[in-house]
C-alpha atoms as a PDB file:
ATOM      1  CA  MET A   1     -17.259-188.315 -35.400  1.00  0.00           C
ATOM      2  CA  GLY A   2     -17.740-191.993 -34.506  1.00  0.00           C
ATOM      3  CA  ILE A   3     -15.280-194.792 -35.170  1.00  0.00           C
ATOM      4  CA  TRP A   4     -17.349-196.291 -38.006  1.00  0.00           C
ATOM      5  CA  ARG A   5     -17.668-192.983 -39.811  1.00  0.00           C
ATOM      6  CA  ARG A   6     -13.904-192.412 -39.475  1.00  0.00           C
ATOM      7  CA  LEU A   7     -13.301-195.909 -40.808  1.00  0.00           C
ATOM      8  CA  LEU A   8     -15.556-195.273 -43.784  1.00  0.00           C
ATOM      9  CA  LEU A   9     -14.118-191.894 -44.670  1.00  0.00           C
ATOM     10  CA  PHE A  10     -10.452-192.153 -43.795  1.00  0.00           C
ATOM     11  CA  GLY A  11      -9.415-195.731 -43.072  1.00  0.00           C
ATOM     12  CA  GLY A  12      -8.163-198.438 -45.402  1.00  0.00           C
ATOM     13  CA  VAL A  13      -8.728-198.290 -49.106  1.00  0.00           C
ATOM     14  CA  SER A  14      -8.657-194.835 -50.655  1.00  0.00           C
ATOM     15  CA  LEU A  15     -11.021-193.775 -53.422  1.00  0.00           C
ATOM     16  CA  ARG A  16      -9.594-194.143 -56.843  1.00  0.00           C
ATOM     17  CA  ALA A  17      -9.804-191.215 -59.183  1.00  0.00           C
ATOM     18  CA  GLY A  18     -12.138-191.758 -62.094  1.00  0.00           C
ATOM     19  CA  GLY A  19     -12.903-190.064 -65.341  1.00  0.00           C
ATOM     20  CA  GLY A  20     -10.969-187.107 -66.625  1.00  0.00           C
ATOM     21  CA  ALA A  21     -10.815-185.302 -69.886  1.00  0.00           C
ATOM     22  CA  THR A  22      -9.661-187.230 -72.908  1.00  0.00           C
ATOM     23  CA  ALA A  23      -7.183-185.877 -75.407  1.00  0.00           C
ATOM     24  CA  PRO A  24      -8.353-185.414 -79.006  1.00  0.00           C
ATOM     25  CA  LEU A  25      -7.096-187.794 -81.625  1.00  0.00           C
ATOM     26  CA  GLY A  26      -4.058-186.699 -83.545  1.00  0.00           C
ATOM     27  CA  GLY A  27      -4.578-184.753 -86.748  1.00  0.00           C
ATOM     28  CA  SER A  28      -7.293-182.389 -87.898  1.00  0.00           C
ATOM     29  CA  PRO A  29     -10.831-183.580 -87.078  1.00  0.00           C
ATOM     30  CA  ALA A  30     -12.060-182.165 -90.373  1.00  0.00           C
ATOM     31  CA  MET A  31      -9.480-184.148 -92.350  1.00  0.00           C
ATOM     32  CA  VAL A  32     -10.343-187.337 -90.476  1.00  0.00           C
ATOM     33  CA  CYS A  33     -14.013-186.854 -91.243  1.00  0.00           C
ATOM     34  CA  ARG A  34     -13.466-186.062 -94.913  1.00  0.00           C
ATOM     35  CA  ARG A  35     -11.036-188.713 -96.007  1.00  0.00           C
ATOM     36  CA  GLN A  36     -12.197-192.229 -96.788  1.00  0.00           C
ATOM     37  CA  LEU A  37     -10.737-194.749 -94.345  1.00  0.00           C
ATOM     38  CA  SER A  38      -9.646-198.200 -95.412  1.00  0.00           C
ATOM     39  CA  GLY A  39     -10.882-201.214 -93.436  1.00  0.00           C
ATOM     40  CA  ALA A  40      -7.589-201.529 -91.534  1.00  0.00           C
ATOM     41  CA  GLU A  41      -7.453-197.799 -90.767  1.00  0.00           C
ATOM     42  CA  SER A  42     -11.050-197.838 -89.554  1.00  0.00           C
ATOM     43  CA  GLU A  43     -10.361-200.737 -87.200  1.00  0.00           C
ATOM     44  CA  THR A  44      -7.227-199.032 -85.856  1.00  0.00           C
ATOM     45  CA  LEU A  45      -9.222-195.863 -85.214  1.00  0.00           C
ATOM     46  CA  LYS A  46     -11.877-197.813 -83.321  1.00  0.00           C
ATOM     47  CA  GLN A  47      -9.233-199.442 -81.141  1.00  0.00           C
ATOM     48  CA  ARG A  48      -7.624-196.077 -80.467  1.00  0.00           C
ATOM     49  CA  ARG A  49     -10.954-194.570 -79.449  1.00  0.00           C
ATOM     50  CA  THR A  50     -11.601-197.479 -77.102  1.00  0.00           C
ATOM     51  CA  GLN A  51      -8.200-196.966 -75.458  1.00  0.00           C
ATOM     52  CA  ILE A  52      -8.839-193.248 -74.989  1.00  0.00           C
ATOM     53  CA  MET A  53     -12.349-193.773 -73.579  1.00  0.00           C
ATOM     54  CA  SER A  54     -11.022-196.308 -71.085  1.00  0.00           C
ATOM     55  CA  ARG A  55      -8.477-193.912 -69.597  1.00  0.00           C
ATOM     56  CA  GLY A  56      -9.188-192.883 -66.051  1.00  0.00           C
ATOM     57  CA  LEU A  57     -11.699-195.694 -65.422  1.00  0.00           C
ATOM     58  CA  PRO A  58     -10.960-198.012 -62.497  1.00  0.00           C
ATOM     59  CA  LYS A  59      -9.889-201.536 -63.381  1.00  0.00           C
ATOM     60  CA  GLN A  60     -12.474-204.088 -62.387  1.00  0.00           C
ATOM     61  CA  LYS A  61     -11.366-206.320 -59.555  1.00  0.00           C
ATOM     62  CA  PRO A  62     -13.474-209.206 -58.230  1.00  0.00           C
ATOM     63  CA  ILE A  63     -14.649-209.152 -54.630  1.00  0.00           C
ATOM     64  CA  GLU A  64     -12.538-211.710 -52.815  1.00  0.00           C
ATOM     65  CA  GLY A  65     -14.413-214.933 -52.139  1.00  0.00           C
ATOM     66  CA  VAL A  66     -17.475-213.979 -54.220  1.00  0.00           C
ATOM     67  CA  LYS A  67     -18.211-216.123 -57.273  1.00  0.00           C
ATOM     68  CA  GLN A  68     -21.097-214.185 -58.857  1.00  0.00           C
ATOM     69  CA  VAL A  69     -22.589-210.743 -58.315  1.00  0.00           C
ATOM     70  CA  ILE A  70     -26.252-210.005 -59.100  1.00  0.00           C
ATOM     71  CA  VAL A  71     -27.350-206.375 -58.893  1.00  0.00           C
ATOM     72  CA  VAL A  72     -31.007-205.471 -58.350  1.00  0.00           C
ATOM     73  CA  ALA A  73     -31.773-202.026 -59.710  1.00  0.00           C
ATOM     74  CA  SER A  74     -34.567-199.695 -60.714  1.00  0.00           C
ATOM     75  CA  GLY A  75     -34.731-196.398 -62.501  1.00  0.00           C
ATOM     76  CA  LYS A  76     -37.233-194.987 -60.015  1.00  0.00           C
ATOM     77  CA  GLY A  77     -37.547-195.264 -56.241  1.00  0.00           C
ATOM     78  CA  GLY A  78     -40.598-196.733 -54.556  1.00  0.00           C
ATOM     79  CA  VAL A  79     -41.125-199.622 -56.951  1.00  0.00           C
ATOM     80  CA  GLY A  80     -40.158-202.383 -54.476  1.00  0.00           C
ATOM     81  CA  LYS A  81     -36.515-202.854 -55.465  1.00  0.00           C
ATOM     82  CA  SER A  82     -35.202-203.514 -51.948  1.00  0.00           C
ATOM     83  CA  THR A  83     -38.083-205.874 -51.164  1.00  0.00           C
ATOM     84  CA  THR A  84     -37.250-207.755 -54.350  1.00  0.00           C
ATOM     85  CA  ALA A  85     -33.519-207.860 -53.526  1.00  0.00           C
ATOM     86  CA  VAL A  86     -34.139-209.240 -50.024  1.00  0.00           C
ATOM     87  CA  ASN A  87     -36.587-211.902 -51.160  1.00  0.00           C
ATOM     88  CA  LEU A  88     -34.422-212.815 -54.159  1.00  0.00           C
ATOM     89  CA  ALA A  89     -31.468-213.467 -51.830  1.00  0.00           C
ATOM     90  CA  LEU A  90     -33.646-215.618 -49.566  1.00  0.00           C
ATOM     91  CA  ALA A  91     -35.153-217.422 -52.556  1.00  0.00           C
ATOM     92  CA  LEU A  92     -31.711-218.250 -53.954  1.00  0.00           C
ATOM     93  CA  ALA A  93     -30.836-219.820 -50.595  1.00  0.00           C
ATOM     94  CA  ALA A  94     -34.190-221.627 -50.321  1.00  0.00           C
ATOM     95  CA  ASN A  95     -33.917-223.103 -53.822  1.00  0.00           C
ATOM     96  CA  ASP A  96     -30.441-224.506 -53.181  1.00  0.00           C
ATOM     97  CA  SER A  97     -29.331-224.895 -49.568  1.00  0.00           C
ATOM     98  CA  SER A  98     -25.788-225.725 -50.684  1.00  0.00           C
ATOM     99  CA  LYS A  99     -25.264-222.155 -51.907  1.00  0.00           C
ATOM    100  CA  ALA A 100     -23.869-219.369 -49.714  1.00  0.00           C
ATOM    101  CA  ILE A 101     -25.663-216.052 -50.275  1.00  0.00           C
ATOM    102  CA  GLY A 102     -24.718-212.498 -49.356  1.00  0.00           C
ATOM    103  CA  LEU A 103     -26.720-209.273 -49.518  1.00  0.00           C
ATOM    104  CA  LEU A 104     -25.007-205.903 -49.983  1.00  0.00           C
ATOM    105  CA  ASP A 105     -26.962-202.660 -49.585  1.00  0.00           C
ATOM    106  CA  VAL A 106     -25.221-199.811 -51.460  1.00  0.00           C
ATOM    107  CA  ASP A 107     -28.112-197.372 -51.116  1.00  0.00           C
ATOM    108  CA  VAL A 108     -26.109-194.987 -48.934  1.00  0.00           C
ATOM    109  CA  TYR A 109     -28.822-192.360 -48.501  1.00  0.00           C
ATOM    110  CA  GLY A 110     -31.726-194.711 -47.818  1.00  0.00           C
ATOM    111  CA  PRO A 111     -30.569-198.157 -46.643  1.00  0.00           C
ATOM    112  CA  SER A 112     -33.465-200.600 -46.190  1.00  0.00           C
ATOM    113  CA  ILE A 113     -31.728-203.926 -45.601  1.00  0.00           C
ATOM    114  CA  PRO A 114     -31.261-203.568 -41.804  1.00  0.00           C
ATOM    115  CA  LYS A 115     -35.019-203.073 -41.308  1.00  0.00           C
ATOM    116  CA  MET A 116     -36.123-205.761 -43.755  1.00  0.00           C
ATOM    117  CA  MET A 117     -33.614-208.324 -42.487  1.00  0.00           C
ATOM    118  CA  ASN A 118     -34.230-207.462 -38.810  1.00  0.00           C
ATOM    119  CA  LEU A 119     -30.603-206.600 -38.135  1.00  0.00           C
ATOM    120  CA  LYS A 120     -29.027-203.971 -35.887  1.00  0.00           C
ATOM    121  CA  GLY A 121     -25.567-203.164 -34.595  1.00  0.00           C
ATOM    122  CA  ASN A 122     -22.094-202.450 -35.874  1.00  0.00           C
ATOM    123  CA  PRO A 123     -20.106-205.084 -37.762  1.00  0.00           C
ATOM    124  CA  GLU A 124     -17.117-206.597 -36.018  1.00  0.00           C
ATOM    125  CA  LEU A 125     -13.647-206.287 -37.503  1.00  0.00           C
ATOM    126  CA  SER A 126     -11.598-209.278 -38.580  1.00  0.00           C
ATOM    127  CA  GLN A 127      -7.883-209.650 -37.808  1.00  0.00           C
ATOM    128  CA  SER A 128      -7.168-208.168 -41.232  1.00  0.00           C
ATOM    129  CA  ASN A 129      -9.270-205.082 -40.326  1.00  0.00           C
ATOM    130  CA  LEU A 130     -12.163-206.042 -42.610  1.00  0.00           C
ATOM    131  CA  MET A 131     -15.797-205.655 -41.585  1.00  0.00           C
ATOM    132  CA  ARG A 132     -17.651-208.892 -40.932  1.00  0.00           C
ATOM    133  CA  PRO A 133     -21.199-209.028 -42.341  1.00  0.00           C
ATOM    134  CA  LEU A 134     -24.162-209.402 -39.988  1.00  0.00           C
ATOM    135  CA  LEU A 135     -26.062-212.661 -40.412  1.00  0.00           C
ATOM    136  CA  ASN A 136     -29.781-213.457 -40.323  1.00  0.00           C
ATOM    137  CA  TYR A 137     -31.987-216.063 -42.001  1.00  0.00           C
ATOM    138  CA  GLY A 138     -28.784-217.626 -43.346  1.00  0.00           C
ATOM    139  CA  ILE A 139     -27.898-214.516 -45.380  1.00  0.00           C
ATOM    140  CA  ALA A 140     -24.704-212.497 -44.778  1.00  0.00           C
ATOM    141  CA  CYS A 141     -25.627-208.785 -44.914  1.00  0.00           C
ATOM    142  CA  MET A 142     -23.733-205.508 -45.121  1.00  0.00           C
ATOM    143  CA  SER A 143     -25.295-202.052 -45.296  1.00  0.00           C
ATOM    144  CA  MET A 144     -24.545-198.409 -44.664  1.00  0.00           C
ATOM    145  CA  GLY A 145     -27.375-198.696 -42.155  1.00  0.00           C
ATOM    146  CA  PHE A 146     -25.086-200.702 -39.854  1.00  0.00           C
ATOM    147  CA  LEU A 147     -22.543-197.877 -39.762  1.00  0.00           C
ATOM    148  CA  VAL A 148     -24.751-194.907 -38.832  1.00  0.00           C
ATOM    149  CA  GLU A 149     -27.556-194.369 -36.339  1.00  0.00           C
ATOM    150  CA  GLU A 150     -30.984-195.540 -37.516  1.00  0.00           C
ATOM    151  CA  ASN A 151     -32.523-192.048 -37.796  1.00  0.00           C
ATOM    152  CA  GLU A 152     -29.334-190.204 -38.729  1.00  0.00           C
ATOM    153  CA  PRO A 153     -29.409-188.789 -42.273  1.00  0.00           C
ATOM    154  CA  VAL A 154     -26.374-189.272 -44.478  1.00  0.00           C
ATOM    155  CA  VAL A 155     -25.730-185.725 -45.697  1.00  0.00           C
ATOM    156  CA  TRP A 156     -22.651-186.286 -47.831  1.00  0.00           C
ATOM    157  CA  ARG A 157     -21.330-184.939 -51.102  1.00  0.00           C
ATOM    158  CA  GLY A 158     -20.369-187.196 -53.976  1.00  0.00           C
ATOM    159  CA  LEU A 159     -16.732-187.885 -53.075  1.00  0.00           C
ATOM    160  CA  MET A 160     -17.652-188.994 -49.550  1.00  0.00           C
ATOM    161  CA  VAL A 161     -20.346-191.288 -50.936  1.00  0.00           C
ATOM    162  CA  MET A 162     -17.886-192.787 -53.436  1.00  0.00           C
ATOM    163  CA  SER A 163     -15.395-193.398 -50.637  1.00  0.00           C
ATOM    164  CA  ALA A 164     -18.076-195.200 -48.616  1.00  0.00           C
ATOM    165  CA  ILE A 165     -19.044-197.320 -51.639  1.00  0.00           C
ATOM    166  CA  GLU A 166     -15.404-198.245 -52.199  1.00  0.00           C
ATOM    167  CA  LYS A 167     -15.141-199.494 -48.640  1.00  0.00           C
ATOM    168  CA  LEU A 168     -18.422-201.415 -48.790  1.00  0.00           C
ATOM    169  CA  LEU A 169     -17.055-203.139 -51.886  1.00  0.00           C
ATOM    170  CA  ARG A 170     -13.481-203.714 -50.700  1.00  0.00           C
ATOM    171  CA  GLN A 171     -13.409-203.827 -46.906  1.00  0.00           C
ATOM    172  CA  VAL A 172     -15.915-206.559 -46.109  1.00  0.00           C
ATOM    173  CA  ASP A 173     -14.895-210.109 -45.245  1.00  0.00           C
ATOM    174  CA  TRP A 174     -17.582-212.120 -47.064  1.00  0.00           C
ATOM    175  CA  GLY A 175     -15.875-215.467 -46.670  1.00  0.00           C
ATOM    176  CA  GLN A 176     -16.899-217.691 -49.576  1.00  0.00           C
ATOM    177  CA  LEU A 177     -20.120-216.759 -51.392  1.00  0.00           C
ATOM    178  CA  ASP A 178     -21.787-218.307 -54.409  1.00  0.00           C
ATOM    179  CA  TYR A 179     -24.021-215.280 -54.996  1.00  0.00           C
ATOM    180  CA  LEU A 180     -23.805-211.712 -53.745  1.00  0.00           C
ATOM    181  CA  VAL A 181     -27.065-209.823 -54.312  1.00  0.00           C
ATOM    182  CA  VAL A 182     -26.485-206.057 -54.439  1.00  0.00           C
ATOM    183  CA  ASP A 183     -29.368-203.716 -53.647  1.00  0.00           C
ATOM    184  CA  MET A 184     -28.582-200.644 -55.755  1.00  0.00           C
ATOM    185  CA  PRO A 185     -29.991-197.158 -55.148  1.00  0.00           C
ATOM    186  CA  PRO A 186     -32.592-195.946 -57.660  1.00  0.00           C
ATOM    187  CA  GLY A 187     -31.447-194.000 -60.696  1.00  0.00           C
ATOM    188  CA  THR A 188     -28.425-194.028 -62.993  1.00  0.00           C
ATOM    189  CA  GLY A 189     -25.895-191.888 -61.128  1.00  0.00           C
ATOM    190  CA  ASP A 190     -22.461-192.045 -59.548  1.00  0.00           C
ATOM    191  CA  VAL A 191     -23.088-195.049 -57.306  1.00  0.00           C
ATOM    192  CA  GLN A 192     -24.378-197.208 -60.152  1.00  0.00           C
ATOM    193  CA  LEU A 193     -21.396-196.288 -62.314  1.00  0.00           C
ATOM    194  CA  SER A 194     -18.914-196.796 -59.478  1.00  0.00           C
ATOM    195  CA  VAL A 195     -20.218-200.277 -58.675  1.00  0.00           C
ATOM    196  CA  SER A 196     -20.446-201.274 -62.351  1.00  0.00           C
ATOM    197  CA  GLN A 197     -16.926-200.094 -63.145  1.00  0.00           C
ATOM    198  CA  ASN A 198     -15.186-201.398 -60.020  1.00  0.00           C
ATOM    199  CA  ILE A 199     -16.380-205.004 -59.834  1.00  0.00           C
ATOM    200  CA  PRO A 200     -17.337-207.601 -62.444  1.00  0.00           C
ATOM    201  CA  ILE A 201     -21.129-207.980 -62.330  1.00  0.00           C
ATOM    202  CA  THR A 202     -22.597-211.249 -63.537  1.00  0.00           C
ATOM    203  CA  GLY A 203     -26.015-209.792 -64.293  1.00  0.00           C
ATOM    204  CA  ALA A 204     -28.552-207.101 -63.460  1.00  0.00           C
ATOM    205  CA  VAL A 205     -32.221-207.488 -62.557  1.00  0.00           C
ATOM    206  CA  ILE A 206     -34.411-204.445 -63.273  1.00  0.00           C
ATOM    207  CA  VAL A 207     -37.465-203.934 -61.054  1.00  0.00           C
ATOM    208  CA  SER A 208     -40.423-201.808 -62.143  1.00  0.00           C
ATOM    209  CA  THR A 209     -44.139-201.437 -61.653  1.00  0.00           C
ATOM    210  CA  PRO A 210     -46.292-201.592 -64.819  1.00  0.00           C
ATOM    211  CA  GLN A 211     -46.845-197.820 -64.608  1.00  0.00           C
ATOM    212  CA  ASP A 212     -45.610-195.752 -67.555  1.00  0.00           C
ATOM    213  CA  VAL A 213     -43.750-193.264 -65.347  1.00  0.00           C
ATOM    214  CA  ALA A 214     -41.776-196.063 -63.666  1.00  0.00           C
ATOM    215  CA  LEU A 215     -41.167-197.859 -66.955  1.00  0.00           C
ATOM    216  CA  MET A 216     -39.557-194.777 -68.500  1.00  0.00           C
ATOM    217  CA  ASP A 217     -36.883-194.807 -65.807  1.00  0.00           C
ATOM    218  CA  ALA A 218     -36.553-198.604 -65.877  1.00  0.00           C
ATOM    219  CA  HIS A 219     -35.776-198.291 -69.587  1.00  0.00           C
ATOM    220  CA  LYS A 220     -32.984-195.815 -68.776  1.00  0.00           C
ATOM    221  CA  GLY A 221     -31.640-198.157 -66.095  1.00  0.00           C
ATOM    222  CA  ALA A 222     -31.455-201.076 -68.512  1.00  0.00           C
ATOM    223  CA  GLU A 223     -29.708-198.935 -71.122  1.00  0.00           C
ATOM    224  CA  MET A 224     -27.180-197.736 -68.543  1.00  0.00           C
ATOM    225  CA  PHE A 225     -26.162-201.292 -67.719  1.00  0.00           C
ATOM    226  CA  ARG A 226     -25.796-202.078 -71.404  1.00  0.00           C
ATOM    227  CA  LYS A 227     -23.524-199.069 -71.856  1.00  0.00           C
ATOM    228  CA  VAL A 228     -21.212-200.289 -69.094  1.00  0.00           C
ATOM    229  CA  HIS A 229     -21.342-203.850 -70.486  1.00  0.00           C
ATOM    230  CA  VAL A 230     -23.343-205.430 -67.660  1.00  0.00           C
ATOM    231  CA  PRO A 231     -25.705-208.186 -68.878  1.00  0.00           C
ATOM    232  CA  VAL A 232     -29.353-207.474 -68.056  1.00  0.00           C
ATOM    233  CA  LEU A 233     -30.929-210.765 -66.974  1.00  0.00           C
ATOM    234  CA  GLY A 234     -34.502-209.503 -67.252  1.00  0.00           C
ATOM    235  CA  LEU A 235     -37.242-207.457 -65.647  1.00  0.00           C
ATOM    236  CA  VAL A 236     -39.369-208.080 -62.562  1.00  0.00           C
ATOM    237  CA  GLN A 237     -42.877-206.649 -62.801  1.00  0.00           C
ATOM    238  CA  ASN A 238     -43.688-205.651 -59.238  1.00  0.00           C
ATOM    239  CA  MET A 239     -47.147-204.706 -57.905  1.00  0.00           C
ATOM    240  CA  SER A 240     -48.549-206.238 -61.072  1.00  0.00           C
ATOM    241  CA  VAL A 241     -52.093-206.798 -59.807  1.00  0.00           C
ATOM    242  CA  PHE A 242     -54.182-206.309 -56.673  1.00  0.00           C
ATOM    243  CA  GLN A 243     -56.704-208.971 -55.679  1.00  0.00           C
ATOM    244  CA  CYS A 244     -59.406-207.975 -53.227  1.00  0.00           C
ATOM    245  CA  PRO A 245     -59.149-210.339 -50.223  1.00  0.00           C
ATOM    246  CA  LYS A 246     -62.953-210.394 -49.853  1.00  0.00           C
ATOM    247  CA  CYS A 247     -64.469-210.584 -53.331  1.00  0.00           C
ATOM    248  CA  LYS A 248     -61.291-211.791 -55.155  1.00  0.00           C
ATOM    249  CA  HIS A 249     -61.753-209.201 -57.887  1.00  0.00           C
ATOM    250  CA  LYS A 250     -58.445-208.337 -59.583  1.00  0.00           C
ATOM    251  CA  THR A 251     -57.493-204.729 -60.293  1.00  0.00           C
ATOM    252  CA  HIS A 252     -54.420-203.550 -62.199  1.00  0.00           C
ATOM    253  CA  ILE A 253     -53.820-200.429 -60.126  1.00  0.00           C
ATOM    254  CA  PHE A 254     -50.588-199.477 -61.903  1.00  0.00           C
ATOM    255  CA  GLY A 255     -51.597-200.741 -65.340  1.00  0.00           C
ATOM    256  CA  ALA A 256     -51.366-204.127 -66.995  1.00  0.00           C
ATOM    257  CA  ASP A 257     -48.307-205.757 -68.576  1.00  0.00           C
ATOM    258  CA  GLY A 258     -46.282-202.570 -68.886  1.00  0.00           C
ATOM    259  CA  ALA A 259     -43.042-204.387 -67.985  1.00  0.00           C
ATOM    260  CA  ARG A 260     -43.769-207.033 -70.598  1.00  0.00           C
ATOM    261  CA  LYS A 261     -44.074-204.384 -73.284  1.00  0.00           C
ATOM    262  CA  LEU A 262     -40.843-202.772 -72.152  1.00  0.00           C
ATOM    263  CA  ALA A 263     -39.075-206.151 -72.076  1.00  0.00           C
ATOM    264  CA  GLN A 264     -40.181-206.738 -75.645  1.00  0.00           C
ATOM    265  CA  THR A 265     -38.810-203.347 -76.669  1.00  0.00           C
ATOM    266  CA  LEU A 266     -35.465-204.107 -75.012  1.00  0.00           C
ATOM    267  CA  GLY A 267     -35.259-207.666 -76.299  1.00  0.00           C
ATOM    268  CA  LEU A 268     -35.436-209.034 -72.748  1.00  0.00           C
ATOM    269  CA  GLU A 269     -37.768-211.273 -70.775  1.00  0.00           C
ATOM    270  CA  VAL A 270     -39.886-210.724 -67.686  1.00  0.00           C
ATOM    271  CA  LEU A 271     -38.468-212.931 -64.938  1.00  0.00           C
ATOM    272  CA  GLY A 272     -41.741-212.916 -63.042  1.00  0.00           C
ATOM    273  CA  ASP A 273     -44.661-210.952 -61.636  1.00  0.00           C
ATOM    274  CA  ILE A 274     -45.084-209.976 -57.988  1.00  0.00           C
ATOM    275  CA  PRO A 275     -48.609-208.978 -56.916  1.00  0.00           C
ATOM    276  CA  LEU A 276     -49.498-205.950 -54.799  1.00  0.00           C
ATOM    277  CA  HIS A 277     -50.274-207.793 -51.570  1.00  0.00           C
ATOM    278  CA  LEU A 278     -50.578-206.767 -47.939  1.00  0.00           C
ATOM    279  CA  ASN A 279     -48.606-209.801 -46.763  1.00  0.00           C
ATOM    280  CA  ILE A 280     -45.467-208.721 -48.639  1.00  0.00           C
ATOM    281  CA  ARG A 281     -45.555-205.248 -47.102  1.00  0.00           C
ATOM    282  CA  GLU A 282     -46.256-206.465 -43.577  1.00  0.00           C
ATOM    283  CA  ALA A 283     -43.559-209.135 -43.739  1.00  0.00           C
ATOM    284  CA  SER A 284     -40.978-206.585 -44.919  1.00  0.00           C
ATOM    285  CA  ASP A 285     -41.915-204.010 -42.279  1.00  0.00           C
ATOM    286  CA  THR A 286     -41.632-206.552 -39.459  1.00  0.00           C
ATOM    287  CA  GLY A 287     -38.224-207.767 -40.633  1.00  0.00           C
ATOM    288  CA  GLN A 288     -39.513-211.215 -41.597  1.00  0.00           C
ATOM    289  CA  PRO A 289     -39.426-211.319 -45.423  1.00  0.00           C
ATOM    290  CA  ILE A 290     -42.211-213.341 -46.965  1.00  0.00           C
ATOM    291  CA  VAL A 291     -39.927-215.976 -48.507  1.00  0.00           C
ATOM    292  CA  PHE A 292     -38.727-216.772 -44.975  1.00  0.00           C
ATOM    293  CA  SER A 293     -41.900-216.243 -42.937  1.00  0.00           C
ATOM    294  CA  GLN A 294     -44.529-217.585 -45.383  1.00  0.00           C
ATOM    295  CA  PRO A 295     -42.646-219.878 -47.799  1.00  0.00           C
ATOM    296  CA  GLU A 296     -45.809-221.704 -48.897  1.00  0.00           C
ATOM    297  CA  SER A 297     -47.698-218.551 -49.849  1.00  0.00           C
ATOM    298  CA  ASP A 298     -48.341-217.662 -53.489  1.00  0.00           C
ATOM    299  CA  GLU A 299     -46.341-214.473 -53.039  1.00  0.00           C
ATOM    300  CA  ALA A 300     -43.266-216.338 -51.755  1.00  0.00           C
ATOM    301  CA  LYS A 301     -43.546-218.859 -54.578  1.00  0.00           C
ATOM    302  CA  ALA A 302     -43.446-215.979 -57.068  1.00  0.00           C
ATOM    303  CA  TYR A 303     -40.053-214.926 -55.687  1.00  0.00           C
ATOM    304  CA  LEU A 304     -38.836-218.528 -55.721  1.00  0.00           C
ATOM    305  CA  ARG A 305     -39.736-218.792 -59.416  1.00  0.00           C
ATOM    306  CA  ILE A 306     -37.910-215.544 -60.150  1.00  0.00           C
ATOM    307  CA  ALA A 307     -34.795-216.899 -58.422  1.00  0.00           C
ATOM    308  CA  VAL A 308     -34.944-219.978 -60.658  1.00  0.00           C
ATOM    309  CA  GLU A 309     -35.141-217.750 -63.747  1.00  0.00           C
ATOM    310  CA  VAL A 310     -32.217-215.627 -62.555  1.00  0.00           C
ATOM    311  CA  VAL A 311     -29.964-218.642 -61.974  1.00  0.00           C
ATOM    312  CA  ARG A 312     -30.971-220.114 -65.329  1.00  0.00           C
ATOM    313  CA  ARG A 313     -29.640-217.010 -67.071  1.00  0.00           C
ATOM    314  CA  LEU A 314     -26.350-216.853 -65.192  1.00  0.00           C
ATOM    315  CA  PRO A 315     -23.210-218.299 -66.736  1.00  0.00           C
ATOM    316  CA  SER A 316     -21.544-221.108 -64.845  1.00  0.00           C
ATOM    317  CA  PRO A 317     -18.895-219.741 -62.417  1.00  0.00           C
ATOM    318  CA  SER A 318     -16.128-221.411 -64.438  1.00  0.00           C
ATOM    319  CA  GLU A 319     -17.019-219.501 -67.602  1.00  0.00           C
END
């Protein structure tokens, strides 16, 4: 077992216990249901239920030095979430050079940030035994991919994954950041809940293609964040249209305006549309994201506009 794996699993911060069975409210459930509650009694009961439901949950603690946390999530994998997270981080930096941006990859099983940001190697340790992020294109990055070999699968059960997430959240020396963009794994499972319950999240961005199958899971993702009281800033409609490079004909391969319909259903807005374009894929695969490598392209400008919309919906750090 290598030093980084030992550090992740055994060193430093231990995993907090979460959850646990809740005790039933005092008195007979049947009697509670049958009798008419006064306004004061009803409010007391609601407060009591809230206290019971909150038992066993970790207390949220801000990440030291980080002003605002933006999570990028999707219900389904393969919809371009990591590509969006990377280019959103770069777009936030490009739109305001005075801001310090970080990028955290908490997709333990399939980390993409090292490849997309053209980064390799193990993080150094600070004097306080915290991992220092790797830096490229002006973005401070941390990922599980820096702690294991590139082609080594992470075959871990839930508790080991939660321990790794805890350390990625608590044992990284970010310095001072204005925005930390978090690339979440797809779905609505343990990692999403752990991140949402451990740190205060300023807002979530949901990424989906216009396809019905992807939208079903995006809907679930948005509802999950609402249940854990994380504001959903809006949706990004990725791979919205394909334009033939020769004849310029536009084809909606995954359907048209599906994310807009979902946003309407959820009472949200679409932050922007990203086309299905070869340049985006090639730039990501070569570790030169399009916002950095082709900032004047239409595709890069789409990400820059999305970053503007994200910032516009964030509260001021002092709030």
